[in-house]
C-alpha atoms as a PDB file:
ATOM      1  CA  MET A   1      62.077  -3.155  29.928  1.00  0.00           C
ATOM      2  CA  ALA A   2      59.573  -5.770  31.087  1.00  0.00           C
ATOM      3  CA  LYS A   3      60.814  -9.304  31.610  1.00  0.00           C
ATOM      4  CA  ILE A   4      59.540 -12.674  30.437  1.00  0.00           C
ATOM      5  CA  THR A   5      57.489 -14.383  33.142  1.00  0.00           C
ATOM      6  CA  VAL A   6      57.271 -18.164  33.488  1.00  0.00           C
ATOM      7  CA  LYS A   7      55.131 -20.156  35.919  1.00  0.00           C
ATOM      8  CA  LYS A   8      53.717 -23.643  36.349  1.00  0.00           C
ATOM      9  CA  PRO A   9      49.933 -23.173  36.339  1.00  0.00           C
ATOM     10  CA  THR A  10      47.439 -25.511  37.980  1.00  0.00           C
ATOM     11  CA  ASP A  11      44.853 -27.362  35.891  1.00  0.00           C
ATOM     12  CA  GLN A  12      42.253 -25.018  37.401  1.00  0.00           C
ATOM     13  CA  GLU A  13      44.193 -21.938  36.238  1.00  0.00           C
ATOM     14  CA  LEU A  14      44.501 -23.382  32.711  1.00  0.00           C
ATOM     15  CA  LYS A  15      40.762 -24.075  32.592  1.00  0.00           C
ATOM     16  CA  LYS A  16      40.008 -20.515  33.758  1.00  0.00           C
ATOM     17  CA  LEU A  17      42.246 -19.153  30.956  1.00  0.00           C
ATOM     18  CA  CYS A  18      40.331 -21.284  28.386  1.00  0.00           C
ATOM     19  CA  ILE A  19      43.593 -22.445  26.762  1.00  0.00           C
ATOM     20  CA  ASP A  20      41.639 -24.991  24.689  1.00  0.00           C
ATOM     21  CA  SER A  21      40.361 -22.070  22.579  1.00  0.00           C
ATOM     22  CA  TRP A  22      43.819 -20.555  21.901  1.00  0.00           C
ATOM     23  CA  GLN A  23      45.736 -20.750  18.601  1.00  0.00           C
ATOM     24  CA  SER A  24      48.248 -23.578  18.277  1.00  0.00           C
ATOM     25  CA  TRP A  25      51.817 -23.277  17.001  1.00  0.00           C
ATOM     26  CA  THR A  26      54.583 -25.794  16.364  1.00  0.00           C
ATOM     27  CA  CYS A  27      58.255 -25.377  15.541  1.00  0.00           C
ATOM     28  CA  GLU A  28      61.056 -27.788  14.755  1.00  0.00           C
ATOM     29  CA  VAL A  29      64.570 -27.484  16.208  1.00  0.00           C
ATOM     30  CA  SER A  30      65.855 -24.101  15.013  1.00  0.00           C
ATOM     31  CA  ASN A  31      67.217 -20.653  15.944  1.00  0.00           C
ATOM     32  CA  PHE A  32      65.559 -17.368  15.022  1.00  0.00           C
ATOM     33  CA  ASP A  33      65.124 -13.756  16.066  1.00  0.00           C
ATOM     34  CA  TRP A  34      61.663 -12.579  17.079  1.00  0.00           C
ATOM     35  CA  GLN A  35      59.890  -9.417  18.212  1.00  0.00           C
ATOM     36  CA  TYR A  36      56.484  -9.460  19.909  1.00  0.00           C
ATOM     37  CA  PRO A  37      54.051  -6.892  18.437  1.00  0.00           C
ATOM     38  CA  GLU A  38      51.710  -7.393  21.406  1.00  0.00           C
ATOM     39  CA  GLU A  39      51.915  -9.116  24.767  1.00  0.00           C
ATOM     40  CA  GLU A  40      51.687 -12.866  24.202  1.00  0.00           C
ATOM     41  CA  ILE A  41      50.690 -15.489  26.720  1.00  0.00           C
ATOM     42  CA  CYS A  42      51.397 -19.115  25.828  1.00  0.00           C
ATOM     43  CA  TYR A  43      51.288 -22.592  27.320  1.00  0.00           C
ATOM     44  CA  ILE A  44      53.944 -25.137  26.343  1.00  0.00           C
ATOM     45  CA  TYR A  45      52.723 -28.704  25.775  1.00  0.00           C
ATOM     46  CA  GLU A  46      55.938 -30.122  24.301  1.00  0.00           C
ATOM     47  CA  GLY A  47      59.496 -29.097  23.569  1.00  0.00           C
ATOM     48  CA  GLU A  48      62.342 -27.152  25.058  1.00  0.00           C
ATOM     49  CA  VAL A  49      63.385 -23.587  24.238  1.00  0.00           C
ATOM     50  CA  THR A  50      65.934 -21.069  25.472  1.00  0.00           C
ATOM     51  CA  VAL A  51      64.836 -17.481  24.842  1.00  0.00           C
ATOM     52  CA  LYS A  52      67.529 -14.815  25.103  1.00  0.00           C
ATOM     53  CA  THR A  53      67.107 -11.055  25.368  1.00  0.00           C
ATOM     54  CA  ASP A  54      69.684  -8.361  26.093  1.00  0.00           C
ATOM     55  CA  GLU A  55      68.755  -8.662  29.774  1.00  0.00           C
ATOM     56  CA  GLU A  56      67.983 -12.315  30.450  1.00  0.00           C
ATOM     57  CA  THR A  57      68.051 -15.936  29.328  1.00  0.00           C
ATOM     58  CA  VAL A  58      64.917 -17.973  30.026  1.00  0.00           C
ATOM     59  CA  ASN A  59      64.565 -21.751  29.716  1.00  0.00           C
ATOM     60  CA  ILE A  60      61.057 -22.894  28.785  1.00  0.00           C
ATOM     61  CA  LYS A  61      59.782 -26.466  29.146  1.00  0.00           C
ATOM     62  CA  PRO A  62      56.509 -28.419  28.973  1.00  0.00           C
ATOM     63  CA  GLY A  63      53.964 -27.263  31.543  1.00  0.00           C
ATOM     64  CA  ASP A  64      55.190 -23.650  31.515  1.00  0.00           C
ATOM     65  CA  LEU A  65      52.809 -20.716  31.145  1.00  0.00           C
ATOM     66  CA  VAL A  66      54.860 -17.898  29.638  1.00  0.00           C
ATOM     67  CA  VAL A  67      54.150 -14.193  29.154  1.00  0.00           C
ATOM     68  CA  PHE A  68      56.219 -12.292  26.602  1.00  0.00           C
ATOM     69  CA  PRO A  69      55.918  -8.497  26.992  1.00  0.00           C
ATOM     70  CA  LYS A  70      54.837  -6.253  24.111  1.00  0.00           C
ATOM     71  CA  SER A  71      57.761  -5.085  21.925  1.00  0.00           C
ATOM     72  CA  LEU A  72      60.160  -7.680  23.388  1.00  0.00           C
ATOM     73  CA  LYS A  73      63.058  -8.495  21.048  1.00  0.00           C
ATOM     74  CA  CYS A  74      64.596 -11.918  21.563  1.00  0.00           C
ATOM     75  CA  ARG A  75      66.352 -14.917  20.065  1.00  0.00           C
ATOM     76  CA  TRP A  76      64.694 -18.336  20.184  1.00  0.00           C
ATOM     77  CA  ASP A  77      66.898 -21.442  20.426  1.00  0.00           C
ATOM     78  CA  VAL A  78      64.519 -24.388  19.970  1.00  0.00           C
ATOM     79  CA  LYS A  79      66.315 -27.422  21.413  1.00  0.00           C
ATOM     80  CA  LYS A  80      63.397 -29.897  21.127  1.00  0.00           C
ATOM     81  CA  PRO A  81      60.384 -29.496  18.780  1.00  0.00           C
ATOM     82  CA  VAL A  82      57.783 -27.182  20.340  1.00  0.00           C
ATOM     83  CA  ARG A  83      54.007 -27.474  20.493  1.00  0.00           C
ATOM     84  CA  LYS A  84      52.257 -24.589  22.213  1.00  0.00           C
ATOM     85  CA  VAL A  85      49.000 -22.664  22.342  1.00  0.00           C
ATOM     86  CA  TYR A  86      48.958 -18.882  22.585  1.00  0.00           C
ATOM     87  CA  LYS A  87      46.939 -15.693  22.503  1.00  0.00           C
ATOM     88  CA  PHE A  88      47.760 -12.026  22.244  1.00  0.00           C
ATOM     89  CA  ASN A  89      46.602  -9.524  24.856  1.00  0.00           C
ATOM     90  CA  TYR A  90      45.664  -6.334  23.020  1.00  0.00           C
END
């Protein structure tokens, strides 16, 4: 199974991705199960999350560009309220 990828992009990379045109999403402190119907790429502006799968645990923080593979099943543990932008890659 594909893994979650996390990187710290440069401002130039973010501009090239046109993140200003992506959908926004916010979430308060919570825990929930999630499955990704498509590959999702997101950029975290605020918050702190631990995402757990059967194979890995990934800590996500502000400034992270994250790719969640299609069909990934995971558990989100939102430790600090999250504000992100995202898009699906079909």
